[in-house]
Structure formats: C-alpha cells, structure tokens
Amino acid sequence: MADRLLPWLAGHDAVVFDLDGVLVDSNELKVVCMRTALADFDPELVEDFLHEFRRTFGRSRREHFAAFHREHLGGSGECSGFEDFFDRYAGAYAELLAERYRQVPLCAHADELVRALTSLGAELHVATGTLTAEAEGVLAARGLLDAFRSVRGGERPKAERLGEILARTGAAPQRTVLVGDSRQDLMAASAAGTGFLFVRRYAFFGASRTLGGSDAAGAHQVYDLDPAGAVLPASAPACDGETTPITVIDGKARQR
C-alpha cells in the first residue's frame, strides 16, 4: 500500500519546497512574462529559448538569461556585454512579474498541506529560482510566509540553497526532502544528497522525462499536494484518471 503524502513528509527532519509549480501556479505566467520581456528579438529565436526555459525550469534567473545570451545571441560568458543585456531584459522581466506574480493562485492543496505540516511541527523551508524578495512577497500575499523557517531564492543555485538549509537545521541529507516539479530540482537534490519528491500536476514535463537516470535513484513522485495523495516510487506509472488542469492566463486557456 502506498504511503500518504502528509505522514510521509512529516517523517522527514526537514521539508524543502520549490515555489513555482509546487506552491504557486505560476509556471506558465513566467513563460508569458519571459516571452514579453524578450519581444525585441526574433520570435522564432525566442520560442526556441522558451522551450529550453521550460526544460531547465528551476535554474536561477541569471542562469536563464546567461543561457539565452550565450546560446542564442552568440555571447561569450558573463562579460560586460552580458551585464548590459541582463540589466535591461531581466529588469523588464522583473517588472512584468511585479505586476502579476502576487496575483497567481496557490497550487491545489498547497495551503492545506503546508498548514497541516506546520501543525505537526514540521521544519519547512523554500528553495527557489525566484529571487528571495519576490518569493517572500507571493507567499506573504497568500498568507503562507510565516509557515516557513526560511525562504532562499535564486541569487544562488538551488543545490547551494539546500546546503545552507542542511547547515542551518543540522538535518541529515537523507532525512531531508526537496519537493519540486522539474529535472533541475531533481539534480539539485542529487547534488545536495537529499531526497526528492516530484509533483506532477503543474510540471512542464511528466515523470518519464523528469525522473530518468541515476539522479532519480530513491526519488518519489506524487500527483499534487493533496495530504492524502499517494506517494509512489519514481519508476511507478502515473495513475489513470488524472486530469490535466487548465489555467487562464492573459485571457487564454492553457493546459498543463
């Protein structure tokens, strides 16, 4: 019989949540904002980048813009030309997010699960590619900020953020779990030596693409944050009957 999510998470010394696509339903919003921020460039080039943006979701903002500058504009590393590019376009992206980000809804059951874990005395943290102040702002707007002992944003890579949490809490890596929705999250957990729980519902890519390879050894998956949801091994097939959520962004219905 499969474990249920609430007791499974509560059995860890520390639980670390990714933010976008796990606690807040913001993955596609960020794609829309990135497309708009890069409107100066050829649309086909931007769409190619957005595929990579989705594939590497969970990286820091600086890493995403460095990849676009290097791989699509022919830049060479983080030189002075990159800094000018980053200031302009990452700034535009941040302004777009500032208008919309705090209005995004919570992911299904996020409030219920976080509050249930808090009532059990669980040690909860957030590690995200979103900048710390932005992450704190969206959590505060949804009344969840006080549930977390720390919120650590994308000013540094997520694996380093996990290391900081381990150092602060003294929790053993094998007794700590990162709850995420991307392969970048899986790789960060693997680098830090923590467990990984993949949340499928809002992810850009399913378990078959996210949980492959040796990094996924010992990882688990769950459909969403329903406290009574079944926690399955990484190798388990998705359950039948799960629906694909639809979110309305800029007046358009988008499937997850």
C-alpha atoms as a PDB file:
ATOM      1  CA  MET A   1       0.000   0.000   0.000  1.00  0.00           C
ATOM      2  CA  ALA A   2       1.371   3.447  -0.952  1.00  0.00           C
ATOM      3  CA  ASP A   3       2.354   5.953   1.719  1.00  0.00           C
ATOM      4  CA  ARG A   4       0.162   9.043   2.077  1.00  0.00           C
ATOM      5  CA  LEU A   5       1.751  12.416   1.484  1.00  0.00           C
ATOM      6  CA  LEU A   6       1.213  14.134   4.848  1.00  0.00           C
ATOM      7  CA  PRO A   7       2.691  11.444   7.101  1.00  0.00           C
ATOM      8  CA  TRP A   8       5.417  10.697   4.544  1.00  0.00           C
ATOM      9  CA  LEU A   9       6.619  14.309   4.536  1.00  0.00           C
ATOM     10  CA  ALA A  10       6.169  14.703   8.289  1.00  0.00           C
ATOM     11  CA  GLY A  11       8.511  11.755   8.762  1.00  0.00           C
ATOM     12  CA  HIS A  12      11.444  13.825   7.455  1.00  0.00           C
ATOM     13  CA  ASP A  13      13.649  16.098   9.560  1.00  0.00           C
ATOM     14  CA  ALA A  14      13.249  18.940   7.040  1.00  0.00           C
ATOM     15  CA  VAL A  15      10.943  19.516   4.053  1.00  0.00           C
ATOM     16  CA  VAL A  16      12.054  21.995   1.392  1.00  0.00           C
ATOM     17  CA  PHE A  17       9.536  23.211  -1.171  1.00  0.00           C
ATOM     18  CA  ASP A  18      10.251  24.625  -4.578  1.00  0.00           C
ATOM     19  CA  LEU A  19       7.917  27.565  -5.223  1.00  0.00           C
ATOM     20  CA  ASP A  20       6.749  27.846  -8.838  1.00  0.00           C
ATOM     21  CA  GLY A  21       4.577  24.937  -9.938  1.00  0.00           C
ATOM     22  CA  VAL A  22       4.633  23.440  -6.443  1.00  0.00           C
ATOM     23  CA  LEU A  23       3.239  26.055  -4.055  1.00  0.00           C
ATOM     24  CA  VAL A  24       2.058  28.696  -6.551  1.00  0.00           C
ATOM     25  CA  ASP A  25       0.589  28.068 -10.006  1.00  0.00           C
ATOM     26  CA  SER A  26       2.980  30.367 -11.831  1.00  0.00           C
ATOM     27  CA  ASN A  27       4.924  28.282 -14.349  1.00  0.00           C
ATOM     28  CA  GLU A  28       3.068  29.441 -17.463  1.00  0.00           C
ATOM     29  CA  LEU A  29       2.843  33.002 -16.151  1.00  0.00           C
ATOM     30  CA  LYS A  30       6.637  33.099 -16.113  1.00  0.00           C
ATOM     31  CA  VAL A  31       6.783  31.830 -19.685  1.00  0.00           C
ATOM     32  CA  VAL A  32       4.386  34.586 -20.779  1.00  0.00           C
ATOM     33  CA  CYS A  33       6.434  37.236 -18.963  1.00  0.00           C
ATOM     34  CA  MET A  34       9.695  35.940 -20.445  1.00  0.00           C
ATOM     35  CA  ARG A  35       8.242  35.990 -23.981  1.00  0.00           C
ATOM     36  CA  THR A  36       7.105  39.583 -23.497  1.00  0.00           C
ATOM     37  CA  ALA A  37      10.427  40.678 -21.951  1.00  0.00           C
ATOM     38  CA  LEU A  38      12.318  39.337 -24.989  1.00  0.00           C
ATOM     39  CA  ALA A  39       9.973  40.871 -27.572  1.00  0.00           C
ATOM     40  CA  ASP A  40      12.892  42.800 -29.153  1.00  0.00           C
ATOM     41  CA  PHE A  41      14.279  39.557 -30.576  1.00  0.00           C
ATOM     42  CA  ASP A  42      13.223  37.280 -33.415  1.00  0.00           C
ATOM     43  CA  PRO A  43      10.093  35.366 -32.325  1.00  0.00           C
ATOM     44  CA  GLU A  44      11.401  32.015 -33.577  1.00  0.00           C
ATOM     45  CA  LEU A  45      14.627  32.502 -31.642  1.00  0.00           C
ATOM     46  CA  VAL A  46      12.640  33.386 -28.521  1.00  0.00           C
ATOM     47  CA  GLU A  47      10.366  30.352 -28.878  1.00  0.00           C
ATOM     48  CA  ASP A  48      13.429  28.108 -29.167  1.00  0.00           C
ATOM     49  CA  PHE A  49      14.716  29.627 -25.962  1.00  0.00           C
ATOM     50  CA  LEU A  50      11.357  29.241 -24.217  1.00  0.00           C
ATOM     51  CA  HIS A  51      11.489  25.502 -24.881  1.00  0.00           C
ATOM     52  CA  GLU A  52      14.848  25.476 -23.101  1.00  0.00           C
ATOM     53  CA  PHE A  53      13.417  27.742 -20.388  1.00  0.00           C
ATOM     54  CA  ARG A  54      10.724  25.160 -19.693  1.00  0.00           C
ATOM     55  CA  ARG A  55      13.177  22.265 -19.847  1.00  0.00           C
ATOM     56  CA  THR A  56      15.566  23.888 -17.365  1.00  0.00           C
ATOM     57  CA  PHE A  57      12.888  25.480 -15.183  1.00  0.00           C
ATOM     58  CA  GLY A  58      14.204  25.817 -11.652  1.00  0.00           C
ATOM     59  CA  ARG A  59      17.505  27.421 -12.607  1.00  0.00           C
ATOM     60  CA  SER A  60      18.236  30.888 -11.315  1.00  0.00           C
ATOM     61  CA  ARG A  61      17.106  33.875 -13.369  1.00  0.00           C
ATOM     62  CA  ARG A  62      20.715  34.816 -14.091  1.00  0.00           C
ATOM     63  CA  GLU A  63      21.427  31.316 -15.408  1.00  0.00           C
ATOM     64  CA  HIS A  64      18.446  31.515 -17.781  1.00  0.00           C
ATOM     65  CA  PHE A  65      19.445  34.894 -19.209  1.00  0.00           C
ATOM     66  CA  ALA A  66      23.090  33.847 -19.471  1.00  0.00           C
ATOM     67  CA  ALA A  67      21.994  30.812 -21.494  1.00  0.00           C
ATOM     68  CA  PHE A  68      19.928  32.971 -23.870  1.00  0.00           C
ATOM     69  CA  HIS A  69      22.795  35.446 -24.306  1.00  0.00           C
ATOM     70  CA  ARG A  70      25.340  32.698 -24.890  1.00  0.00           C
ATOM     71  CA  GLU A  71      23.403  30.158 -26.945  1.00  0.00           C
ATOM     72  CA  HIS A  72      21.064  32.384 -28.953  1.00  0.00           C
ATOM     73  CA  LEU A  73      22.888  35.719 -29.228  1.00  0.00           C
ATOM     74  CA  GLY A  74      26.445  34.444 -29.549  1.00  0.00           C
ATOM     75  CA  GLY A  75      27.640  35.952 -26.282  1.00  0.00           C
ATOM     76  CA  SER A  76      30.776  34.641 -24.629  1.00  0.00           C
ATOM     77  CA  GLY A  77      30.328  34.212 -20.914  1.00  0.00           C
ATOM     78  CA  GLU A  78      29.328  36.841 -18.388  1.00  0.00           C
ATOM     79  CA  CYS A  79      31.262  39.719 -19.957  1.00  0.00           C
ATOM     80  CA  SER A  80      30.359  43.414 -19.806  1.00  0.00           C
ATOM     81  CA  GLY A  81      28.041  42.933 -22.777  1.00  0.00           C
ATOM     82  CA  PHE A  82      26.121  40.355 -20.812  1.00  0.00           C
ATOM     83  CA  GLU A  83      25.724  42.659 -17.832  1.00  0.00           C
ATOM     84  CA  ASP A  84      24.140  45.341 -20.003  1.00  0.00           C
ATOM     85  CA  PHE A  85      21.864  42.721 -21.582  1.00  0.00           C
ATOM     86  CA  PHE A  86      20.972  41.261 -18.191  1.00  0.00           C
ATOM     87  CA  ASP A  87      20.204  44.627 -16.620  1.00  0.00           C
ATOM     88  CA  ARG A  88      17.854  45.556 -19.461  1.00  0.00           C
ATOM     89  CA  TYR A  89      15.984  42.317 -20.122  1.00  0.00           C
ATOM     90  CA  ALA A  90      15.999  40.724 -16.690  1.00  0.00           C
ATOM     91  CA  GLY A  91      14.804  44.113 -15.441  1.00  0.00           C
ATOM     92  CA  ALA A  92      11.924  44.066 -17.917  1.00  0.00           C
ATOM     93  CA  TYR A  93      11.066  40.505 -16.860  1.00  0.00           C
ATOM     94  CA  ALA A  94      11.096  41.524 -13.190  1.00  0.00           C
ATOM     95  CA  GLU A  95       8.775  44.461 -13.889  1.00  0.00           C
ATOM     96  CA  LEU A  96       6.296  42.197 -15.661  1.00  0.00           C
ATOM     97  CA  LEU A  97       6.370  39.735 -12.779  1.00  0.00           C
ATOM     98  CA  ALA A  98       5.910  42.528 -10.256  1.00  0.00           C
ATOM     99  CA  GLU A  99       2.588  43.380 -11.914  1.00  0.00           C
ATOM    100  CA  ARG A 100       1.235  39.836 -11.978  1.00  0.00           C
ATOM    101  CA  TYR A 101       3.129  37.457  -9.718  1.00  0.00           C
ATOM    102  CA  ARG A 102       1.390  38.138  -6.429  1.00  0.00           C
ATOM    103  CA  GLN A 103      -1.976  37.519  -8.091  1.00  0.00           C
ATOM    104  CA  VAL A 104      -1.253  33.914  -9.098  1.00  0.00           C
ATOM    105  CA  PRO A 105      -3.287  31.272  -7.286  1.00  0.00           C
ATOM    106  CA  LEU A 106      -1.842  28.682  -4.981  1.00  0.00           C
ATOM    107  CA  CYS A 107      -1.418  25.218  -6.397  1.00  0.00           C
ATOM    108  CA  ALA A 108      -4.108  22.729  -5.438  1.00  0.00           C
ATOM    109  CA  HIS A 109      -3.943  21.716  -1.749  1.00  0.00           C
ATOM    110  CA  ALA A 110      -0.814  23.820  -1.077  1.00  0.00           C
ATOM    111  CA  ASP A 111      -2.411  25.782   1.757  1.00  0.00           C
ATOM    112  CA  GLU A 112      -3.959  22.648   3.258  1.00  0.00           C
ATOM    113  CA  LEU A 113      -0.718  20.663   3.201  1.00  0.00           C
ATOM    114  CA  VAL A 114       1.539  23.439   4.482  1.00  0.00           C
ATOM    115  CA  ARG A 115      -0.795  24.200   7.381  1.00  0.00           C
ATOM    116  CA  ALA A 116      -1.143  20.518   8.246  1.00  0.00           C
ATOM    117  CA  LEU A 117       2.627  20.090   8.298  1.00  0.00           C
ATOM    118  CA  THR A 118       3.011  23.234  10.406  1.00  0.00           C
ATOM    119  CA  SER A 119       0.515  21.894  12.936  1.00  0.00           C
ATOM    120  CA  LEU A 120       2.665  18.767  13.243  1.00  0.00           C
ATOM    121  CA  GLY A 121       5.764  20.870  13.952  1.00  0.00           C
ATOM    122  CA  ALA A 122       7.497  20.072  10.659  1.00  0.00           C
ATOM    123  CA  GLU A 123      10.605  22.040   9.697  1.00  0.00           C
ATOM    124  CA  LEU A 124       9.610  23.736   6.430  1.00  0.00           C
ATOM    125  CA  HIS A 125      11.751  25.795   4.034  1.00  0.00           C
ATOM    126  CA  VAL A 126      11.537  27.153   0.480  1.00  0.00           C
ATOM    127  CA  ALA A 127      14.357  26.964  -2.071  1.00  0.00           C
ATOM    128  CA  THR A 128      13.528  28.523  -5.426  1.00  0.00           C
ATOM    129  CA  GLY A 129      14.998  30.015  -8.572  1.00  0.00           C
ATOM    130  CA  THR A 130      12.787  33.065  -7.972  1.00  0.00           C
ATOM    131  CA  LEU A 131      14.509  35.991  -6.263  1.00  0.00           C
ATOM    132  CA  THR A 132      14.103  35.904  -2.487  1.00  0.00           C
ATOM    133  CA  ALA A 133      12.127  39.141  -2.142  1.00  0.00           C
ATOM    134  CA  GLU A 134       9.713  38.082  -4.903  1.00  0.00           C
ATOM    135  CA  ALA A 135       9.250  34.653  -3.336  1.00  0.00           C
ATOM    136  CA  GLU A 136       8.613  36.136   0.091  1.00  0.00           C
ATOM    137  CA  GLY A 137       6.143  38.605  -1.429  1.00  0.00           C
ATOM    138  CA  VAL A 138       3.994  35.990  -3.156  1.00  0.00           C
ATOM    139  CA  LEU A 139       3.979  33.758  -0.074  1.00  0.00           C
ATOM    140  CA  ALA A 140       3.045  36.692   2.146  1.00  0.00           C
ATOM    141  CA  ALA A 141       0.232  37.656  -0.239  1.00  0.00           C
ATOM    142  CA  ARG A 142      -1.156  34.136   0.112  1.00  0.00           C
ATOM    143  CA  GLY A 143      -0.731  34.027   3.912  1.00  0.00           C
ATOM    144  CA  LEU A 144       1.908  31.295   3.914  1.00  0.00           C
ATOM    145  CA  LEU A 145       5.165  33.116   4.589  1.00  0.00           C
ATOM    146  CA  ASP A 146       5.129  32.538   8.347  1.00  0.00           C
ATOM    147  CA  ALA A 147       4.898  28.770   7.835  1.00  0.00           C
ATOM    148  CA  PHE A 148       8.486  28.594   6.565  1.00  0.00           C
ATOM    149  CA  ARG A 149      11.641  28.832   8.661  1.00  0.00           C
ATOM    150  CA  SER A 150      13.493  30.313   5.685  1.00  0.00           C
ATOM    151  CA  VAL A 151      12.919  31.317   2.059  1.00  0.00           C
ATOM    152  CA  ARG A 152      16.043  31.095  -0.084  1.00  0.00           C
ATOM    153  CA  GLY A 153      15.889  32.457  -3.596  1.00  0.00           C
ATOM    154  CA  GLY A 154      17.707  32.236  -6.887  1.00  0.00           C
ATOM    155  CA  GLU A 155      20.536  34.616  -6.068  1.00  0.00           C
ATOM    156  CA  ARG A 156      22.476  31.351  -5.663  1.00  0.00           C
ATOM    157  CA  PRO A 157      21.942  27.906  -7.248  1.00  0.00           C
ATOM    158  CA  LYS A 158      19.370  25.665  -5.608  1.00  0.00           C
ATOM    159  CA  ALA A 159      21.898  22.989  -4.620  1.00  0.00           C
ATOM    160  CA  GLU A 160      23.765  25.639  -2.618  1.00  0.00           C
ATOM    161  CA  ARG A 161      20.496  26.733  -1.034  1.00  0.00           C
ATOM    162  CA  LEU A 162      19.847  23.153   0.051  1.00  0.00           C
ATOM    163  CA  GLY A 163      23.323  23.041   1.554  1.00  0.00           C
ATOM    164  CA  GLU A 164      22.559  26.202   3.510  1.00  0.00           C
ATOM    165  CA  ILE A 165      19.352  24.661   4.860  1.00  0.00           C
ATOM    166  CA  LEU A 166      21.166  21.493   5.896  1.00  0.00           C
ATOM    167  CA  ALA A 167      23.832  23.550   7.667  1.00  0.00           C
ATOM    168  CA  ARG A 168      21.210  25.658   9.452  1.00  0.00           C
ATOM    169  CA  THR A 169      18.999  22.796  10.581  1.00  0.00           C
ATOM    170  CA  GLY A 170      21.606  20.118  11.196  1.00  0.00           C
ATOM    171  CA  ALA A 171      19.271  17.703   9.418  1.00  0.00           C
ATOM    172  CA  ALA A 172      20.832  14.690   7.749  1.00  0.00           C
ATOM    173  CA  PRO A 173      20.605  14.936   3.940  1.00  0.00           C
ATOM    174  CA  GLN A 174      18.932  11.537   3.731  1.00  0.00           C
ATOM    175  CA  ARG A 175      16.286  12.763   6.200  1.00  0.00           C
ATOM    176  CA  THR A 176      15.605  15.899   4.133  1.00  0.00           C
ATOM    177  CA  VAL A 177      13.445  16.072   1.014  1.00  0.00           C
ATOM    178  CA  LEU A 178      13.070  18.643  -1.761  1.00  0.00           C
ATOM    179  CA  VAL A 179       9.548  18.851  -3.168  1.00  0.00           C
ATOM    180  CA  GLY A 180       9.889  20.048  -6.766  1.00  0.00           C
ATOM    181  CA  ASP A 181       8.491  19.886 -10.283  1.00  0.00           C
ATOM    182  CA  SER A 182      11.474  19.862 -12.644  1.00  0.00           C
ATOM    183  CA  ARG A 183      14.591  17.949 -13.554  1.00  0.00           C
ATOM    184  CA  GLN A 184      16.650  20.907 -12.313  1.00  0.00           C
ATOM    185  CA  ASP A 185      15.091  20.330  -8.887  1.00  0.00           C
ATOM    186  CA  LEU A 186      15.980  16.647  -9.080  1.00  0.00           C
ATOM    187  CA  MET A 187      19.583  17.494  -9.994  1.00  0.00           C
ATOM    188  CA  ALA A 188      19.846  19.978  -7.121  1.00  0.00           C
ATOM    189  CA  ALA A 189      18.571  17.384  -4.656  1.00  0.00           C
ATOM    190  CA  SER A 190      21.005  14.812  -6.028  1.00  0.00           C
ATOM    191  CA  ALA A 191      23.937  17.245  -5.722  1.00  0.00           C
ATOM    192  CA  ALA A 192      22.995  18.077  -2.116  1.00  0.00           C
ATOM    193  CA  GLY A 193      22.371  14.436  -1.218  1.00  0.00           C
ATOM    194  CA  THR A 194      18.740  14.973  -0.201  1.00  0.00           C
ATOM    195  CA  GLY A 195      15.639  13.056  -1.179  1.00  0.00           C
ATOM    196  CA  PHE A 196      13.409  14.296  -3.993  1.00  0.00           C
ATOM    197  CA  LEU A 197       9.627  14.255  -4.423  1.00  0.00           C
ATOM    198  CA  PHE A 198       8.349  15.135  -7.908  1.00  0.00           C
ATOM    199  CA  VAL A 199       4.949  16.867  -8.093  1.00  0.00           C
ATOM    200  CA  ARG A 200       3.445  16.057 -11.475  1.00  0.00           C
ATOM    201  CA  ARG A 201       0.309  18.191 -11.728  1.00  0.00           C
ATOM    202  CA  TYR A 202       1.765  21.572 -12.779  1.00  0.00           C
ATOM    203  CA  ALA A 203       5.099  20.389 -14.181  1.00  0.00           C
ATOM    204  CA  PHE A 204       6.079  21.236 -17.751  1.00  0.00           C
ATOM    205  CA  PHE A 205       7.218  17.647 -18.312  1.00  0.00           C
ATOM    206  CA  GLY A 206       5.987  14.363 -16.893  1.00  0.00           C
ATOM    207  CA  ALA A 207       7.688  11.792 -14.728  1.00  0.00           C
ATOM    208  CA  SER A 208       9.124   9.843 -17.662  1.00  0.00           C
ATOM    209  CA  ARG A 209      11.196  12.861 -18.733  1.00  0.00           C
ATOM    210  CA  THR A 210      11.928  14.249 -15.295  1.00  0.00           C
ATOM    211  CA  LEU A 211      12.838  11.148 -13.303  1.00  0.00           C
ATOM    212  CA  GLY A 212      15.188   9.318 -15.633  1.00  0.00           C
ATOM    213  CA  GLY A 213      18.808   8.404 -14.943  1.00  0.00           C
ATOM    214  CA  SER A 214      20.851   7.701 -11.857  1.00  0.00           C
ATOM    215  CA  ASP A 215      19.884  11.050 -10.276  1.00  0.00           C
ATOM    216  CA  ALA A 216      16.397   9.637  -9.713  1.00  0.00           C
ATOM    217  CA  ALA A 217      17.533   6.656  -7.637  1.00  0.00           C
ATOM    218  CA  GLY A 218      15.433   6.745  -4.483  1.00  0.00           C
ATOM    219  CA  ALA A 219      13.230   9.615  -5.723  1.00  0.00           C
ATOM    220  CA  HIS A 220       9.456   9.586  -5.372  1.00  0.00           C
ATOM    221  CA  GLN A 221       6.503  11.179  -7.115  1.00  0.00           C
ATOM    222  CA  VAL A 222       3.017  12.406  -6.257  1.00  0.00           C
ATOM    223  CA  TYR A 223       0.228  13.902  -8.355  1.00  0.00           C
ATOM    224  CA  ASP A 224      -0.286  17.092  -6.329  1.00  0.00           C
ATOM    225  CA  LEU A 225      -0.133  18.293  -2.720  1.00  0.00           C
ATOM    226  CA  ASP A 226      -3.277  16.553  -1.505  1.00  0.00           C
ATOM    227  CA  PRO A 227      -2.266  15.440   2.024  1.00  0.00           C
ATOM    228  CA  ALA A 228      -3.958  12.094   1.386  1.00  0.00           C
ATOM    229  CA  GLY A 229      -2.318  11.635  -2.023  1.00  0.00           C
ATOM    230  CA  ALA A 230      -0.325   8.506  -2.763  1.00  0.00           C
ATOM    231  CA  VAL A 231       3.476   8.782  -2.713  1.00  0.00           C
ATOM    232  CA  LEU A 232       4.877   6.493  -5.392  1.00  0.00           C
ATOM    233  CA  PRO A 233       8.386   5.445  -6.406  1.00  0.00           C
ATOM    234  CA  ALA A 234       9.983   7.353  -9.271  1.00  0.00           C
ATOM    235  CA  SER A 235       9.569   4.320 -11.540  1.00  0.00           C
ATOM    236  CA  ALA A 236       5.806   3.980 -10.981  1.00  0.00           C
ATOM    237  CA  PRO A 237       3.471   4.883 -13.889  1.00  0.00           C
ATOM    238  CA  ALA A 238       1.125   7.843 -13.426  1.00  0.00           C
ATOM    239  CA  CYS A 239      -2.289   6.889 -12.083  1.00  0.00           C
ATOM    240  CA  ASP A 240      -5.149   6.580 -14.554  1.00  0.00           C
ATOM    241  CA  GLY A 241      -7.886   9.183 -14.483  1.00  0.00           C
ATOM    242  CA  GLU A 242      -5.756  12.194 -13.595  1.00  0.00           C
ATOM    243  CA  THR A 243      -6.950  15.287 -15.407  1.00  0.00           C
ATOM    244  CA  THR A 244      -4.815  17.988 -16.959  1.00  0.00           C
ATOM    245  CA  PRO A 245      -5.511  21.295 -15.188  1.00  0.00           C
ATOM    246  CA  ILE A 246      -6.365  24.357 -17.244  1.00  0.00           C
ATOM    247  CA  THR A 247      -5.212  27.811 -16.204  1.00  0.00           C
ATOM    248  CA  VAL A 248      -6.373  31.064 -17.802  1.00  0.00           C
ATOM    249  CA  ILE A 249      -3.516  33.498 -18.493  1.00  0.00           C
ATOM    250  CA  ASP A 250      -3.974  36.732 -20.419  1.00  0.00           C
ATOM    251  CA  GLY A 251      -7.438  35.562 -21.431  1.00  0.00           C
ATOM    252  CA  LYS A 252      -6.205  32.274 -22.929  1.00  0.00           C
ATOM    253  CA  ALA A 253      -6.873  28.797 -21.547  1.00  0.00           C
ATOM    254  CA  ARG A 254      -3.644  26.852 -21.223  1.00  0.00           C
ATOM    255  CA  GLN A 255      -3.357  23.174 -20.397  1.00  0.00           C
ATOM    256  CA  ARG A 256      -0.683  21.921 -18.010  1.00  0.00           C
END
